[in-house]
Amino acid sequence: ALRYPVFRYLWMATVVSNVGGWMYSAASGWLMMDL
């Protein structure tokens, strides 16, 4: 399925979005631990 450019772009955007969500979740817990 990654042969299709539209699917490949959507898949990469989803991966980046998920990593951003994980970073936000970890950072908010870390900030609360510091505060």
ModelCIF file with pLDDT and N, C-alpha, C, O atoms, coordinates in Angstrom:
data_MODEL
#
_entry.id   MODEL 
#
_entity.id                         1 
_entity.type                       polymer 
_entity.pdbx_number_of_molecules   1 
#
_entity_poly.entity_id                      1 
_entity_poly.type                           'polypeptide(L)' 
_entity_poly.nstd_linkage                   no 
_entity_poly.nstd_monomer                   no 
_entity_poly.pdbx_seq_one_letter_code       ALRYPVFRYLWMATVVSNVGGWMYSAASGWLMMDL 
_entity_poly.pdbx_seq_one_letter_code_can   ALRYPVFRYLWMATVVSNVGGWMYSAASGWLMMDL 
_entity_poly.pdbx_strand_id                 A 
#
loop_
_entity_poly_seq.entity_id 
_entity_poly_seq.num 
_entity_poly_seq.mon_id 
_entity_poly_seq.hetero 
1 1  ALA n 
1 2  LEU n 
1 3  ARG n 
1 4  TYR n 
1 5  PRO n 
1 6  VAL n 
1 7  PHE n 
1 8  ARG n 
1 9  TYR n 
1 10 LEU n 
1 11 TRP n 
1 12 MET n 
1 13 ALA n 
1 14 THR n 
1 15 VAL n 
1 16 VAL n 
1 17 SER n 
1 18 ASN n 
1 19 VAL n 
1 20 GLY n 
1 21 GLY n 
1 22 TRP n 
1 23 MET n 
1 24 TYR n 
1 25 SER n 
1 26 ALA n 
1 27 ALA n 
1 28 SER n 
1 29 GLY n 
1 30 TRP n 
1 31 LEU n 
1 32 MET n 
1 33 MET n 
1 34 ASP n 
1 35 LEU n 
#
_struct_asym.id          A 
_struct_asym.entity_id   1 
#
loop_
_ma_qa_metric.id 
_ma_qa_metric.mode 
_ma_qa_metric.name 
_ma_qa_metric.software_group_id 
_ma_qa_metric.type 
1 global pLDDT . pLDDT 
2 local  pLDDT . pLDDT 
#
_ma_qa_metric_global.metric_id      1 
_ma_qa_metric_global.metric_value   92.00 
_ma_qa_metric_global.model_id       1 
_ma_qa_metric_global.ordinal_id     1 
#
loop_
_ma_qa_metric_local.label_asym_id 
_ma_qa_metric_local.label_comp_id 
_ma_qa_metric_local.label_seq_id 
_ma_qa_metric_local.metric_id 
_ma_qa_metric_local.metric_value 
_ma_qa_metric_local.model_id 
_ma_qa_metric_local.ordinal_id 
A ALA 1  2 89.00 1 1  
A LEU 2  2 88.00 1 2  
A ARG 3  2 90.00 1 3  
A TYR 4  2 92.00 1 4  
A PRO 5  2 94.00 1 5  
A VAL 6  2 96.00 1 6  
A PHE 7  2 95.00 1 7  
A ARG 8  2 94.00 1 8  
A TYR 9  2 96.00 1 9  
A LEU 10 2 96.00 1 10 
A TRP 11 2 95.00 1 11 
A MET 12 2 96.00 1 12 
A ALA 13 2 97.00 1 13 
A THR 14 2 97.00 1 14 
A VAL 15 2 97.00 1 15 
A VAL 16 2 97.00 1 16 
A SER 17 2 97.00 1 17 
A ASN 18 2 96.00 1 18 
A VAL 19 2 97.00 1 19 
A GLY 20 2 96.00 1 20 
A GLY 21 2 91.00 1 21 
A TRP 22 2 91.00 1 22 
A MET 23 2 94.00 1 23 
A TYR 24 2 90.00 1 24 
A SER 25 2 85.00 1 25 
A ALA 26 2 88.00 1 26 
A ALA 27 2 90.00 1 27 
A SER 28 2 85.00 1 28 
A GLY 29 2 83.00 1 29 
A TRP 30 2 88.00 1 30 
A LEU 31 2 88.00 1 31 
A MET 32 2 86.00 1 32 
A MET 33 2 87.00 1 33 
A ASP 34 2 90.00 1 34 
A LEU 35 2 89.00 1 35 
#
loop_
_atom_site.group_PDB 
_atom_site.id 
_atom_site.type_symbol 
_atom_site.label_atom_id 
_atom_site.label_alt_id 
_atom_site.label_comp_id 
_atom_site.label_asym_id 
_atom_site.label_entity_id 
_atom_site.label_seq_id 
_atom_site.pdbx_PDB_ins_code 
_atom_site.Cartn_x 
_atom_site.Cartn_y 
_atom_site.Cartn_z 
_atom_site.occupancy 
_atom_site.B_iso_or_equiv 
_atom_site.pdbx_formal_charge 
_atom_site.auth_seq_id 
_atom_site.auth_comp_id 
_atom_site.auth_asym_id 
_atom_site.auth_atom_id 
_atom_site.pdbx_PDB_model_num 
ATOM 1   N N  . ALA A 1 1  ? 0.827  -1.212 0.000  1.00 89.00 ? 1  ALA A N  1 
ATOM 2   C CA . ALA A 1 1  ? 0.000  0.000  0.000  1.00 89.00 ? 1  ALA A CA 1 
ATOM 3   C C  . ALA A 1 1  ? 0.857  1.256  0.000  1.00 89.00 ? 1  ALA A C  1 
ATOM 4   O O  . ALA A 1 1  ? 0.390  2.316  -0.417 1.00 89.00 ? 1  ALA A O  1 
ATOM 5   N N  . LEU A 1 2  ? 2.103  1.160  0.460  1.00 88.00 ? 2  LEU A N  1 
ATOM 6   C CA . LEU A 1 2  ? 2.987  2.322  0.492  1.00 88.00 ? 2  LEU A CA 1 
ATOM 7   C C  . LEU A 1 2  ? 3.482  2.732  -0.899 1.00 88.00 ? 2  LEU A C  1 
ATOM 8   O O  . LEU A 1 2  ? 4.175  3.739  -1.035 1.00 88.00 ? 2  LEU A O  1 
ATOM 9   N N  . ARG A 1 3  ? 3.134  1.967  -1.918 1.00 90.00 ? 3  ARG A N  1 
ATOM 10  C CA . ARG A 1 3  ? 3.488  2.354  -3.284 1.00 90.00 ? 3  ARG A CA 1 
ATOM 11  C C  . ARG A 1 3  ? 2.693  3.567  -3.742 1.00 90.00 ? 3  ARG A C  1 
ATOM 12  O O  . ARG A 1 3  ? 3.130  4.292  -4.636 1.00 90.00 ? 3  ARG A O  1 
ATOM 13  N N  . TYR A 1 4  ? 1.530  3.795  -3.141 1.00 92.00 ? 4  TYR A N  1 
ATOM 14  C CA . TYR A 1 4  ? 0.682  4.915  -3.525 1.00 92.00 ? 4  TYR A CA 1 
ATOM 15  C C  . TYR A 1 4  ? 1.088  6.160  -2.739 1.00 92.00 ? 4  TYR A C  1 
ATOM 16  O O  . TYR A 1 4  ? 1.101  6.131  -1.508 1.00 92.00 ? 4  TYR A O  1 
ATOM 17  N N  . PRO A 1 5  ? 1.418  7.247  -3.425 1.00 94.00 ? 5  PRO A N  1 
ATOM 18  C CA . PRO A 1 5  ? 1.932  8.440  -2.733 1.00 94.00 ? 5  PRO A CA 1 
ATOM 19  C C  . PRO A 1 5  ? 0.951  9.029  -1.729 1.00 94.00 ? 5  PRO A C  1 
ATOM 20  O O  . PRO A 1 5  ? 1.363  9.457  -0.651 1.00 94.00 ? 5  PRO A O  1 
ATOM 21  N N  . VAL A 1 6  ? -0.332 9.061  -2.057 1.00 96.00 ? 6  VAL A N  1 
ATOM 22  C CA . VAL A 1 6  ? -1.306 9.652  -1.140 1.00 96.00 ? 6  VAL A CA 1 
ATOM 23  C C  . VAL A 1 6  ? -1.368 8.858  0.161  1.00 96.00 ? 6  VAL A C  1 
ATOM 24  O O  . VAL A 1 6  ? -1.393 9.438  1.246  1.00 96.00 ? 6  VAL A O  1 
ATOM 25  N N  . PHE A 1 7  ? -1.392 7.534  0.051  1.00 95.00 ? 7  PHE A N  1 
ATOM 26  C CA . PHE A 1 7  ? -1.409 6.707  1.250  1.00 95.00 ? 7  PHE A CA 1 
ATOM 27  C C  . PHE A 1 7  ? -0.120 6.873  2.035  1.00 95.00 ? 7  PHE A C  1 
ATOM 28  O O  . PHE A 1 7  ? -0.150 6.921  3.264  1.00 95.00 ? 7  PHE A O  1 
ATOM 29  N N  . ARG A 1 8  ? 1.028  6.961  1.336  1.00 94.00 ? 8  ARG A N  1 
ATOM 30  C CA . ARG A 1 8  ? 2.317  7.116  1.997  1.00 94.00 ? 8  ARG A CA 1 
ATOM 31  C C  . ARG A 1 8  ? 2.369  8.424  2.786  1.00 94.00 ? 8  ARG A C  1 
ATOM 32  O O  . ARG A 1 8  ? 2.858  8.441  3.916  1.00 94.00 ? 8  ARG A O  1 
ATOM 33  N N  . TYR A 1 9  ? 1.868  9.527  2.202  1.00 96.00 ? 9  TYR A N  1 
ATOM 34  C CA . TYR A 1 9  ? 1.842  10.810 2.908  1.00 96.00 ? 9  TYR A CA 1 
ATOM 35  C C  . TYR A 1 9  ? 0.912  10.762 4.107  1.00 96.00 ? 9  TYR A C  1 
ATOM 36  O O  . TYR A 1 9  ? 1.243  11.283 5.172  1.00 96.00 ? 9  TYR A O  1 
ATOM 37  N N  . LEU A 1 10 ? -0.234 10.148 3.945  1.00 96.00 ? 10 LEU A N  1 
ATOM 38  C CA . LEU A 1 10 ? -1.173 10.033 5.060  1.00 96.00 ? 10 LEU A CA 1 
ATOM 39  C C  . LEU A 1 10 ? -0.582 9.187  6.182  1.00 96.00 ? 10 LEU A C  1 
ATOM 40  O O  . LEU A 1 10 ? -0.745 9.522  7.356  1.00 96.00 ? 10 LEU A O  1 
ATOM 41  N N  . TRP A 1 11 ? 0.097  8.103  5.842  1.00 95.00 ? 11 TRP A N  1 
ATOM 42  C CA . TRP A 1 11 ? 0.704  7.226  6.837  1.00 95.00 ? 11 TRP A CA 1 
ATOM 43  C C  . TRP A 1 11 ? 1.812  7.959  7.590  1.00 95.00 ? 11 TRP A C  1 
ATOM 44  O O  . TRP A 1 11 ? 1.914  7.844  8.811  1.00 95.00 ? 11 TRP A O  1 
ATOM 45  N N  . MET A 1 12 ? 2.647  8.717  6.863  1.00 96.00 ? 12 MET A N  1 
ATOM 46  C CA . MET A 1 12 ? 3.722  9.461  7.524  1.00 96.00 ? 12 MET A CA 1 
ATOM 47  C C  . MET A 1 12 ? 3.152  10.556 8.423  1.00 96.00 ? 12 MET A C  1 
ATOM 48  O O  . MET A 1 12 ? 3.676  10.790 9.512  1.00 96.00 ? 12 MET A O  1 
ATOM 49  N N  . ALA A 1 13 ? 2.095  11.227 7.988  1.00 97.00 ? 13 ALA A N  1 
ATOM 50  C CA . ALA A 1 13 ? 1.476  12.260 8.819  1.00 97.00 ? 13 ALA A CA 1 
ATOM 51  C C  . ALA A 1 13 ? 0.878  11.657 10.081 1.00 97.00 ? 13 ALA A C  1 
ATOM 52  O O  . ALA A 1 13 ? 0.935  12.277 11.144 1.00 97.00 ? 13 ALA A O  1 
ATOM 53  N N  . THR A 1 14 ? 0.314  10.477 9.986  1.00 97.00 ? 14 THR A N  1 
ATOM 54  C CA . THR A 1 14 ? -0.244 9.799  11.152 1.00 97.00 ? 14 THR A CA 1 
ATOM 55  C C  . THR A 1 14 ? 0.855  9.414  12.132 1.00 97.00 ? 14 THR A C  1 
ATOM 56  O O  . THR A 1 14 ? 0.677  9.561  13.341 1.00 97.00 ? 14 THR A O  1 
ATOM 57  N N  . VAL A 1 15 ? 1.972  8.929  11.641 1.00 97.00 ? 15 VAL A N  1 
ATOM 58  C CA . VAL A 1 15 ? 3.094  8.566  12.515 1.00 97.00 ? 15 VAL A CA 1 
ATOM 59  C C  . VAL A 1 15 ? 3.621  9.798  13.243 1.00 97.00 ? 15 VAL A C  1 
ATOM 60  O O  . VAL A 1 15 ? 3.864  9.753  14.449 1.00 97.00 ? 15 VAL A O  1 
ATOM 61  N N  . VAL A 1 16 ? 3.797  10.897 12.511 1.00 97.00 ? 16 VAL A N  1 
ATOM 62  C CA . VAL A 1 16 ? 4.289  12.128 13.136 1.00 97.00 ? 16 VAL A CA 1 
ATOM 63  C C  . VAL A 1 16 ? 3.296  12.633 14.176 1.00 97.00 ? 16 VAL A C  1 
ATOM 64  O O  . VAL A 1 16 ? 3.698  13.080 15.250 1.00 97.00 ? 16 VAL A O  1 
ATOM 65  N N  . SER A 1 17 ? 2.010  12.568 13.868 1.00 97.00 ? 17 SER A N  1 
ATOM 66  C CA . SER A 1 17 ? 0.991  13.013 14.814 1.00 97.00 ? 17 SER A CA 1 
ATOM 67  C C  . SER A 1 17 ? 0.981  12.150 16.069 1.00 97.00 ? 17 SER A C  1 
ATOM 68  O O  . SER A 1 17 ? 0.864  12.674 17.177 1.00 97.00 ? 17 SER A O  1 
ATOM 69  N N  . ASN A 1 18 ? 1.103  10.844 15.912 1.00 96.00 ? 18 ASN A N  1 
ATOM 70  C CA . ASN A 1 18 ? 1.137  9.952  17.075 1.00 96.00 ? 18 ASN A CA 1 
ATOM 71  C C  . ASN A 1 18 ? 2.364  10.209 17.944 1.00 96.00 ? 18 ASN A C  1 
ATOM 72  O O  . ASN A 1 18 ? 2.260  10.226 19.171 1.00 96.00 ? 18 ASN A O  1 
ATOM 73  N N  . VAL A 1 19 ? 3.515  10.407 17.325 1.00 97.00 ? 19 VAL A N  1 
ATOM 74  C CA . VAL A 1 19 ? 4.726  10.691 18.099 1.00 97.00 ? 19 VAL A CA 1 
ATOM 75  C C  . VAL A 1 19 ? 4.556  12.004 18.859 1.00 97.00 ? 19 VAL A C  1 
ATOM 76  O O  . VAL A 1 19 ? 4.973  12.109 20.012 1.00 97.00 ? 19 VAL A O  1 
ATOM 77  N N  . GLY A 1 20 ? 3.949  12.999 18.226 1.00 96.00 ? 20 GLY A N  1 
ATOM 78  C CA . GLY A 1 20 ? 3.689  14.265 18.906 1.00 96.00 ? 20 GLY A CA 1 
ATOM 79  C C  . GLY A 1 20 ? 2.757  14.102 20.091 1.00 96.00 ? 20 GLY A C  1 
ATOM 80  O O  . GLY A 1 20 ? 2.956  14.731 21.131 1.00 96.00 ? 20 GLY A O  1 
ATOM 81  N N  . GLY A 1 21 ? 1.746  13.266 19.946 1.00 91.00 ? 21 GLY A N  1 
ATOM 82  C CA . GLY A 1 21 ? 0.830  13.001 21.060 1.00 91.00 ? 21 GLY A CA 1 
ATOM 83  C C  . GLY A 1 21 ? 1.522  12.303 22.209 1.00 91.00 ? 21 GLY A C  1 
ATOM 84  O O  . GLY A 1 21 ? 1.273  12.616 23.373 1.00 91.00 ? 21 GLY A O  1 
ATOM 85  N N  . TRP A 1 22 ? 2.385  11.365 21.892 1.00 91.00 ? 22 TRP A N  1 
ATOM 86  C CA . TRP A 1 22 ? 3.137  10.662 22.943 1.00 91.00 ? 22 TRP A CA 1 
ATOM 87  C C  . TRP A 1 22 ? 4.079  11.623 23.657 1.00 91.00 ? 22 TRP A C  1 
ATOM 88  O O  . TRP A 1 22 ? 4.222  11.565 24.878 1.00 91.00 ? 22 TRP A O  1 
ATOM 89  N N  . MET A 1 23 ? 4.719  12.500 22.901 1.00 94.00 ? 23 MET A N  1 
ATOM 90  C CA . MET A 1 23 ? 5.619  13.477 23.513 1.00 94.00 ? 23 MET A CA 1 
ATOM 91  C C  . MET A 1 23 ? 4.847  14.436 24.417 1.00 94.00 ? 23 MET A C  1 
ATOM 92  O O  . MET A 1 23 ? 5.321  14.791 25.496 1.00 94.00 ? 23 MET A O  1 
ATOM 93  N N  . TYR A 1 24 ? 3.666  14.854 23.982 1.00 90.00 ? 24 TYR A N  1 
ATOM 94  C CA . TYR A 1 24 ? 2.843  15.738 24.799 1.00 90.00 ? 24 TYR A CA 1 
ATOM 95  C C  . TYR A 1 24 ? 2.435  15.051 26.094 1.00 90.00 ? 24 TYR A C  1 
ATOM 96  O O  . TYR A 1 24 ? 2.489  15.655 27.165 1.00 90.00 ? 24 TYR A O  1 
ATOM 97  N N  . SER A 1 25 ? 2.033  13.803 25.999 1.00 85.00 ? 25 SER A N  1 
ATOM 98  C CA . SER A 1 25 ? 1.611  13.057 27.189 1.00 85.00 ? 25 SER A CA 1 
ATOM 99  C C  . SER A 1 25 ? 2.771  12.891 28.174 1.00 85.00 ? 25 SER A C  1 
ATOM 100 O O  . SER A 1 25 ? 2.595  13.082 29.378 1.00 85.00 ? 25 SER A O  1 
ATOM 101 N N  . ALA A 1 26 ? 3.939  12.541 27.675 1.00 88.00 ? 26 ALA A N  1 
ATOM 102 C CA . ALA A 1 26 ? 5.106  12.382 28.548 1.00 88.00 ? 26 ALA A CA 1 
ATOM 103 C C  . ALA A 1 26 ? 5.536  13.716 29.138 1.00 88.00 ? 26 ALA A C  1 
ATOM 104 O O  . ALA A 1 26 ? 5.896  13.789 30.313 1.00 88.00 ? 26 ALA A O  1 
ATOM 105 N N  . ALA A 1 27 ? 5.501  14.774 28.328 1.00 90.00 ? 27 ALA A N  1 
ATOM 106 C CA . ALA A 1 27 ? 5.942  16.080 28.812 1.00 90.00 ? 27 ALA A CA 1 
ATOM 107 C C  . ALA A 1 27 ? 4.980  16.657 29.843 1.00 90.00 ? 27 ALA A C  1 
ATOM 108 O O  . ALA A 1 27 ? 5.415  17.309 30.793 1.00 90.00 ? 27 ALA A O  1 
ATOM 109 N N  . SER A 1 28 ? 3.674  16.426 29.670 1.00 85.00 ? 28 SER A N  1 
ATOM 110 C CA . SER A 1 28 ? 2.737  16.963 30.657 1.00 85.00 ? 28 SER A CA 1 
ATOM 111 C C  . SER A 1 28 ? 2.889  16.252 32.001 1.00 85.00 ? 28 SER A C  1 
ATOM 112 O O  . SER A 1 28 ? 2.796  16.896 33.046 1.00 85.00 ? 28 SER A O  1 
ATOM 113 N N  . GLY A 1 29 ? 3.117  14.962 31.994 1.00 83.00 ? 29 GLY A N  1 
ATOM 114 C CA . GLY A 1 29 ? 3.379  14.245 33.241 1.00 83.00 ? 29 GLY A CA 1 
ATOM 115 C C  . GLY A 1 29 ? 4.678  14.683 33.893 1.00 83.00 ? 29 GLY A C  1 
ATOM 116 O O  . GLY A 1 29 ? 4.757  14.822 35.113 1.00 83.00 ? 29 GLY A O  1 
ATOM 117 N N  . TRP A 1 30 ? 5.692  14.899 33.074 1.00 88.00 ? 30 TRP A N  1 
ATOM 118 C CA . TRP A 1 30 ? 6.993  15.341 33.579 1.00 88.00 ? 30 TRP A CA 1 
ATOM 119 C C  . TRP A 1 30 ? 6.894  16.749 34.183 1.00 88.00 ? 30 TRP A C  1 
ATOM 120 O O  . TRP A 1 30 ? 7.463  17.020 35.241 1.00 88.00 ? 30 TRP A O  1 
ATOM 121 N N  . LEU A 1 31 ? 6.161  17.644 33.494 1.00 88.00 ? 31 LEU A N  1 
ATOM 122 C CA . LEU A 1 31 ? 5.993  19.001 34.006 1.00 88.00 ? 31 LEU A CA 1 
ATOM 123 C C  . LEU A 1 31 ? 5.239  18.988 35.338 1.00 88.00 ? 31 LEU A C  1 
ATOM 124 O O  . LEU A 1 31 ? 5.600  19.724 36.256 1.00 88.00 ? 31 LEU A O  1 
ATOM 125 N N  . MET A 1 32 ? 4.210  18.169 35.451 1.00 86.00 ? 32 MET A N  1 
ATOM 126 C CA . MET A 1 32 ? 3.472  18.095 36.711 1.00 86.00 ? 32 MET A CA 1 
ATOM 127 C C  . MET A 1 32 ? 4.345  17.536 37.824 1.00 86.00 ? 32 MET A C  1 
ATOM 128 O O  . MET A 1 32 ? 4.211  17.951 38.975 1.00 86.00 ? 32 MET A O  1 
ATOM 129 N N  . MET A 1 33 ? 5.235  16.607 37.506 1.00 87.00 ? 33 MET A N  1 
ATOM 130 C CA . MET A 1 33 ? 6.153  16.084 38.518 1.00 87.00 ? 33 MET A CA 1 
ATOM 131 C C  . MET A 1 33 ? 7.109  17.171 38.994 1.00 87.00 ? 33 MET A C  1 
ATOM 132 O O  . MET A 1 33 ? 7.450  17.229 40.176 1.00 87.00 ? 33 MET A O  1 
ATOM 133 N N  . ASP A 1 34 ? 7.548  18.045 38.062 1.00 90.00 ? 34 ASP A N  1 
ATOM 134 C CA . ASP A 1 34 ? 8.437  19.142 38.449 1.00 90.00 ? 34 ASP A CA 1 
ATOM 135 C C  . ASP A 1 34 ? 7.705  20.203 39.265 1.00 90.00 ? 34 ASP A C  1 
ATOM 136 O O  . ASP A 1 34 ? 8.264  20.755 40.213 1.00 90.00 ? 34 ASP A O  1 
ATOM 137 N N  . LEU A 1 35 ? 6.454  20.490 38.899 1.00 89.00 ? 35 LEU A N  1 
ATOM 138 C CA . LEU A 1 35 ? 5.700  21.533 39.597 1.00 89.00 ? 35 LEU A CA 1 
ATOM 139 C C  . LEU A 1 35 ? 5.165  21.072 40.948 1.00 89.00 ? 35 LEU A C  1 
ATOM 140 O O  . LEU A 1 35 ? 4.511  21.844 41.649 1.00 89.00 ? 35 LEU A O  1 
#
